[in-house]
Amino acid sequence: MVFRQRAARGVDERFAGRVELGCGHTACAYRARDTERGIDVVLKVASLQFVDVETSRGWLESECLALKSLQASSDGTEASERRSGRIIQCYEDHTKESTPFIVLESWGTQTLERYFRAWVGSEKRMPARIAQSLWTQIQEGLAYMSDRSHTCQWIHGDLHFKNIMVDTSNQDEPTLKIIDFGLASTEQEGDEERQPCKDAQTVAQTWRSWFEVKPHHVGLDPADTKEKSTNMFGLLEACAGDPTLCPAPAHWLTTAMALEGTADVRPPPSTRVFQSPLEKAGYCPK
């Protein structure tokens, strides 16, 4: 089913050249040209393949509210602006339409997972400085989301590398943004699944599976093979030594890195019960 068959009046004229990026349980994503703004955007539209329209509407509302809350939380400082820049932006909320959709920032051309797989297929090895930069950027995003002083302590809930987009227009300095906040919720005291460190642990486990558990997938450039590089390129020490790069408590990475090499990191099963963050206790709109 193409987007225009379920779009609100006027959407066809405004959003040109739509290309489907993929569909999930609650929505389908399309890249398109916003003729009003003169920029490319991503349209996230209710998908009725697995759930009804009201369920999809609730998830889109929640995602947009989470992103708007995070956008409004920046305190204007350079550090805050840099960290908030690691989160995708929501431009418009059209969830009241008969076919709900939201308008998101378009960023990058590939996921972090696909970016890593490209290195696997090449004859080159990833320079440690690129790995260090990507790792730091992820930590900046997590630090911003979990900063109790100016946010609602958002938890992404599904922070696998398929939900991190990479812009490689400058191949020597790739930049990234965290996307897909459909499962986002706020911190809930006493609930281990709704603590900021859960996102950090998921990232650390997945990162480790690429660089340590599966060393044949992605490795160091020989020029970067140094003693400290055997421990995630020395990133463990760098993160622990600079709390501004890591969500508190800083010991989460040590715990995650202590997992056995057979650690199984998988996305949530498709049979999970979908519950909108709006229905969860602890929701904190801005």
Protein backbone atom coordinates (compact mmCIF):
# COMPACT_ATOMS: atom_id res chain seq x y z
CA MET A 1 0.00 0.00 0.00
CA VAL A 2 1.59 3.27 -1.06
CA PHE A 3 1.60 6.25 1.23
CA ARG A 4 -0.67 8.43 -0.89
CA GLN A 5 -3.51 5.92 -0.53
CA ARG A 6 -3.69 6.66 3.17
CA ALA A 7 -2.40 10.22 3.36
CA ALA A 8 -4.22 13.25 4.66
CA ARG A 9 -5.49 15.82 2.14
CA GLY A 10 -2.66 17.94 0.77
CA VAL A 11 0.14 15.62 1.80
CA ASP A 12 0.73 14.40 -1.76
CA GLU A 13 1.33 17.93 -2.98
CA ARG A 14 3.64 18.92 -0.15
CA PHE A 15 5.84 15.82 0.23
CA ALA A 16 7.38 14.88 -3.11
CA GLY A 17 9.45 11.92 -4.26
CA ARG A 18 8.55 9.62 -1.40
CA VAL A 19 10.76 6.54 -0.99
CA GLU A 20 9.86 3.84 1.52
CA LEU A 21 12.64 3.21 4.05
CA GLY A 22 10.96 0.39 5.93
CA CYS A 23 7.99 -0.69 8.02
CA GLY A 24 7.74 -1.77 11.64
CA HIS A 25 4.88 -3.00 13.78
CA THR A 26 3.30 0.41 14.27
CA ALA A 27 4.52 2.63 11.43
CA CYS A 28 6.18 2.87 8.02
CA ALA A 29 8.92 5.38 7.27
CA TYR A 30 9.39 7.32 4.03
CA ARG A 31 12.03 9.78 2.93
CA ALA A 32 10.50 12.69 0.99
CA ARG A 33 11.12 16.26 -0.09
CA ASP A 34 9.22 18.80 1.98
CA THR A 35 8.38 21.43 -0.64
CA GLU A 36 7.40 23.95 2.04
CA ARG A 37 10.67 23.74 3.95
CA GLY A 38 12.84 22.95 0.95
CA ILE A 39 14.54 20.06 2.76
CA ASP A 40 14.40 16.27 2.87
CA VAL A 41 12.39 14.83 5.76
CA VAL A 42 11.26 11.45 7.03
CA LEU A 43 7.53 10.77 7.24
CA LYS A 44 6.53 8.19 9.82
CA VAL A 45 3.03 6.99 8.98
CA ALA A 46 0.67 4.68 10.84
CA SER A 47 0.96 1.10 9.64
CA LEU A 48 -2.15 -1.06 9.90
CA GLN A 49 -0.43 -4.33 9.06
CA PHE A 50 -0.06 -5.53 12.65
CA VAL A 51 -2.01 -3.09 14.85
CA ASP A 52 -5.12 -0.93 14.59
CA VAL A 53 -4.96 2.77 13.79
CA GLU A 54 -5.51 3.92 17.39
CA THR A 55 -2.62 1.81 18.66
CA SER A 56 -0.36 3.21 15.98
CA ARG A 57 -1.62 6.73 16.73
CA GLY A 58 -0.65 6.34 20.40
CA TRP A 59 2.88 5.27 19.52
CA LEU A 60 3.39 8.11 17.07
CA GLU A 61 2.07 10.61 19.63
CA SER A 62 4.45 9.23 22.23
CA GLU A 63 7.45 9.33 19.93
CA CYS A 64 6.76 12.92 18.90
CA LEU A 65 6.22 14.02 22.50
CA ALA A 66 9.44 12.36 23.64
CA LEU A 67 11.41 14.09 20.89
CA LYS A 68 9.75 17.45 21.50
CA SER A 69 10.52 17.11 25.21
CA LEU A 70 14.18 16.42 24.46
CA GLN A 71 14.38 19.29 21.96
CA ALA A 72 12.92 21.69 24.52
CA SER A 73 15.32 20.51 27.22
CA SER A 74 18.48 22.04 25.80
CA ASP A 75 19.72 24.82 28.09
CA GLY A 76 21.49 26.62 25.24
CA THR A 77 25.03 25.86 26.36
CA GLU A 78 27.55 24.53 23.85
CA ALA A 79 27.72 21.14 25.57
CA SER A 80 23.94 20.84 25.74
CA GLU A 81 23.51 21.82 22.10
CA ARG A 82 26.15 19.30 21.03
CA ARG A 83 24.55 16.47 23.00
CA SER A 84 21.00 17.30 21.98
CA GLY A 85 22.29 17.26 18.40
CA ARG A 86 22.76 13.50 18.75
CA ILE A 87 18.97 13.07 18.88
CA ILE A 88 16.77 13.12 15.77
CA GLN A 89 14.27 16.00 15.68
CA CYS A 90 10.51 15.89 15.29
CA TYR A 91 9.29 18.77 13.11
CA GLU A 92 5.53 18.26 13.06
CA ASP A 93 2.82 16.23 14.78
CA HIS A 94 -0.07 15.14 12.54
CA THR A 95 -1.32 12.35 14.78
CA LYS A 96 -4.86 13.76 14.85
CA GLU A 97 -5.33 13.00 11.15
CA SER A 98 -7.44 10.01 10.13
CA THR A 99 -4.17 8.42 9.04
CA PRO A 100 -1.71 9.62 11.71
CA PHE A 101 1.83 10.62 10.77
CA ILE A 102 4.72 12.68 12.10
CA VAL A 103 7.42 14.62 10.24
CA LEU A 104 10.98 13.90 11.34
CA GLU A 105 14.44 15.14 10.51
CA SER A 106 16.17 13.19 7.75
CA TRP A 107 19.69 12.28 8.77
CA GLY A 108 22.36 10.14 7.15
CA THR A 109 22.01 7.37 4.62
CA GLN A 110 22.69 4.23 6.64
CA THR A 111 22.34 2.72 10.08
CA LEU A 112 25.33 2.18 12.35
CA GLU A 113 24.87 -1.55 11.85
CA ARG A 114 25.09 -1.20 8.07
CA TYR A 115 28.06 1.13 8.47
CA PHE A 116 29.89 -1.52 10.48
CA ARG A 117 28.98 -4.21 7.96
CA ALA A 118 30.50 -2.06 5.21
CA TRP A 119 33.81 -2.18 7.07
CA VAL A 120 33.43 -5.95 7.30
CA GLY A 121 33.15 -6.19 3.53
CA SER A 122 36.10 -3.92 2.84
CA GLU A 123 39.79 -4.74 2.93
CA LYS A 124 40.42 -1.91 5.35
CA ARG A 125 40.14 -1.80 9.12
CA MET A 126 38.35 0.93 11.03
CA PRO A 127 40.76 3.52 12.45
CA ALA A 128 40.56 3.75 16.22
CA ARG A 129 39.93 7.50 16.01
CA ILE A 130 36.68 6.86 14.10
CA ALA A 131 35.61 4.23 16.60
CA GLN A 132 36.46 6.63 19.42
CA SER A 133 34.45 9.42 17.80
CA LEU A 134 31.37 7.26 17.19
CA TRP A 135 31.50 5.91 20.73
CA THR A 136 31.79 9.41 22.16
CA GLN A 137 28.86 10.66 20.09
CA ILE A 138 26.64 7.85 21.36
CA GLN A 139 27.63 8.69 24.93
CA GLU A 140 26.84 12.36 24.34
CA GLY A 141 23.32 11.43 23.26
CA LEU A 142 22.82 9.14 26.24
CA ALA A 143 24.22 11.73 28.63
CA TYR A 144 21.76 14.29 27.30
CA MET A 145 18.79 11.92 27.57
CA SER A 146 19.61 10.98 31.15
CA ASP A 147 20.57 14.44 32.47
CA ARG A 148 18.25 14.84 35.44
CA SER A 149 18.87 18.58 35.64
CA HIS A 150 17.08 19.45 32.41
CA THR A 151 15.29 16.41 30.96
CA CYS A 152 12.68 13.90 32.01
CA GLN A 153 15.33 11.16 32.12
CA TRP A 154 14.23 9.52 28.89
CA ILE A 155 14.99 5.87 28.21
CA HIS A 156 15.09 4.92 24.52
CA GLY A 157 14.15 1.30 25.14
CA ASP A 158 15.39 -0.13 21.83
CA LEU A 159 18.85 1.32 21.34
CA HIS A 160 20.33 -1.19 18.94
CA PHE A 161 22.55 -0.14 16.07
CA LYS A 162 19.64 -0.28 13.62
CA ASN A 163 18.26 2.73 15.48
CA ILE A 164 21.35 4.89 15.09
CA MET A 165 21.81 6.69 11.76
CA VAL A 166 25.24 7.66 10.41
CA ASP A 167 26.09 10.52 8.07
CA THR A 168 29.22 9.66 6.08
CA SER A 169 29.33 12.73 3.84
CA ASN A 170 32.71 13.32 5.52
CA GLN A 171 34.14 9.81 5.58
CA ASP A 172 36.96 10.80 7.91
CA GLU A 173 34.55 12.22 10.48
CA PRO A 174 31.22 10.32 10.39
CA THR A 175 28.49 11.74 12.61
CA LEU A 176 25.45 10.03 14.07
CA LYS A 177 22.01 10.58 15.55
CA ILE A 178 19.74 8.34 17.61
CA ILE A 179 16.39 7.61 15.94
CA ASP A 180 13.16 5.66 16.49
CA PHE A 181 11.83 6.68 19.91
CA GLY A 182 8.67 4.59 19.55
CA LEU A 183 9.50 2.62 22.70
CA ALA A 184 10.78 5.61 24.67
CA SER A 185 9.63 6.04 28.25
CA THR A 186 10.74 7.94 31.32
CA GLU A 187 12.69 6.71 34.31
CA GLN A 188 10.62 4.81 36.84
CA GLU A 189 12.14 4.24 40.27
CA GLY A 190 12.35 0.56 41.16
CA ASP A 191 11.82 -0.63 37.58
CA GLU A 192 15.10 -2.06 36.29
CA GLU A 193 13.86 -2.01 32.71
CA ARG A 194 13.20 1.72 32.89
CA GLN A 195 16.52 3.05 34.08
CA PRO A 196 18.90 5.17 31.94
CA CYS A 197 21.66 2.60 32.36
CA LYS A 198 19.62 0.04 30.38
CA ASP A 199 20.23 1.98 27.16
CA ALA A 200 23.92 2.27 27.99
CA GLN A 201 24.19 -1.44 28.71
CA THR A 202 22.48 -2.33 25.44
CA VAL A 203 24.91 -0.13 23.50
CA ALA A 204 27.94 -1.53 25.34
CA GLN A 205 26.86 -5.13 24.74
CA THR A 206 26.24 -4.53 21.04
CA TRP A 207 29.49 -2.59 20.66
CA ARG A 208 31.38 -5.38 22.39
CA SER A 209 29.79 -7.98 20.12
CA TRP A 210 31.30 -6.18 17.13
CA PHE A 211 34.73 -5.33 18.46
CA GLU A 212 35.46 -8.12 20.93
CA VAL A 213 33.05 -11.04 20.71
CA LYS A 214 33.25 -11.01 16.90
CA PRO A 215 36.71 -9.61 16.22
CA HIS A 216 36.61 -10.85 12.62
CA HIS A 217 33.76 -8.41 11.89
CA VAL A 218 35.37 -5.10 12.73
CA GLY A 219 38.93 -4.60 13.87
CA LEU A 220 41.62 -2.05 14.44
CA ASP A 221 43.76 -0.57 11.77
CA PRO A 222 47.23 -2.10 12.29
CA ALA A 223 48.58 1.41 12.87
CA ASP A 224 46.31 1.65 15.91
CA THR A 225 47.34 -1.66 17.48
CA LYS A 226 48.63 -0.49 20.81
CA GLU A 227 48.56 -1.98 24.26
CA LYS A 228 45.64 0.12 25.46
CA SER A 229 43.65 -0.68 22.34
CA THR A 230 42.91 -4.22 23.48
CA ASN A 231 40.25 -2.78 25.79
CA MET A 232 37.80 -1.20 23.34
CA PHE A 233 40.58 1.10 22.09
CA GLY A 234 41.00 2.41 25.61
CA LEU A 235 37.45 3.75 25.55
CA LEU A 236 36.59 2.13 28.85
CA GLU A 237 39.19 4.24 30.62
CA ALA A 238 38.32 7.37 28.64
CA CYS A 239 34.66 7.08 29.53
CA ALA A 240 35.26 6.35 33.19
CA GLY A 241 37.67 9.26 33.41
CA ASP A 242 35.24 11.78 31.96
CA PRO A 243 31.78 11.57 33.56
CA THR A 244 30.45 14.18 31.12
CA LEU A 245 30.62 11.55 28.37
CA CYS A 246 28.77 8.83 30.24
CA PRO A 247 25.42 8.58 31.98
CA ALA A 248 25.68 8.08 35.73
CA PRO A 249 26.42 5.71 37.32
CA ALA A 250 29.76 5.51 35.52
CA HIS A 251 30.28 1.87 36.51
CA TRP A 252 27.63 0.63 34.02
CA LEU A 253 30.26 0.10 31.36
CA THR A 254 32.48 -1.98 33.61
CA THR A 255 29.49 -4.18 34.41
CA ALA A 256 28.48 -4.53 30.77
CA MET A 257 32.00 -5.30 29.62
CA ALA A 258 32.27 -8.08 32.18
CA LEU A 259 29.65 -10.13 30.33
CA GLU A 260 30.62 -13.48 28.88
CA GLY A 261 31.66 -13.54 25.25
CA THR A 262 28.52 -15.47 24.38
CA ALA A 263 26.26 -12.62 25.51
CA ASP A 264 23.14 -12.72 23.35
CA VAL A 265 22.05 -9.22 22.36
CA ARG A 266 18.74 -9.25 20.49
CA PRO A 267 15.96 -6.77 19.78
CA PRO A 268 12.65 -7.18 21.61
CA PRO A 269 10.61 -10.13 20.24
CA SER A 270 7.84 -9.31 17.79
CA THR A 271 5.31 -10.85 20.17
CA ARG A 272 5.87 -8.17 22.80
CA VAL A 273 2.83 -6.36 24.19
CA PHE A 274 2.84 -2.81 22.85
CA GLN A 275 2.11 -0.19 25.48
CA SER A 276 2.34 3.49 24.72
CA PRO A 277 4.61 5.56 27.02
CA LEU A 278 1.59 7.81 27.53
CA GLU A 279 -0.01 4.93 29.41
CA LYS A 280 3.01 4.40 31.66
CA ALA A 281 3.55 5.94 35.05
CA GLY A 282 6.29 8.52 35.25
CA TYR A 283 5.62 10.24 31.94
CA CYS A 284 7.06 13.74 32.03
CA PRO A 285 5.94 16.06 29.21
CA LYS A 286 7.82 19.30 28.67
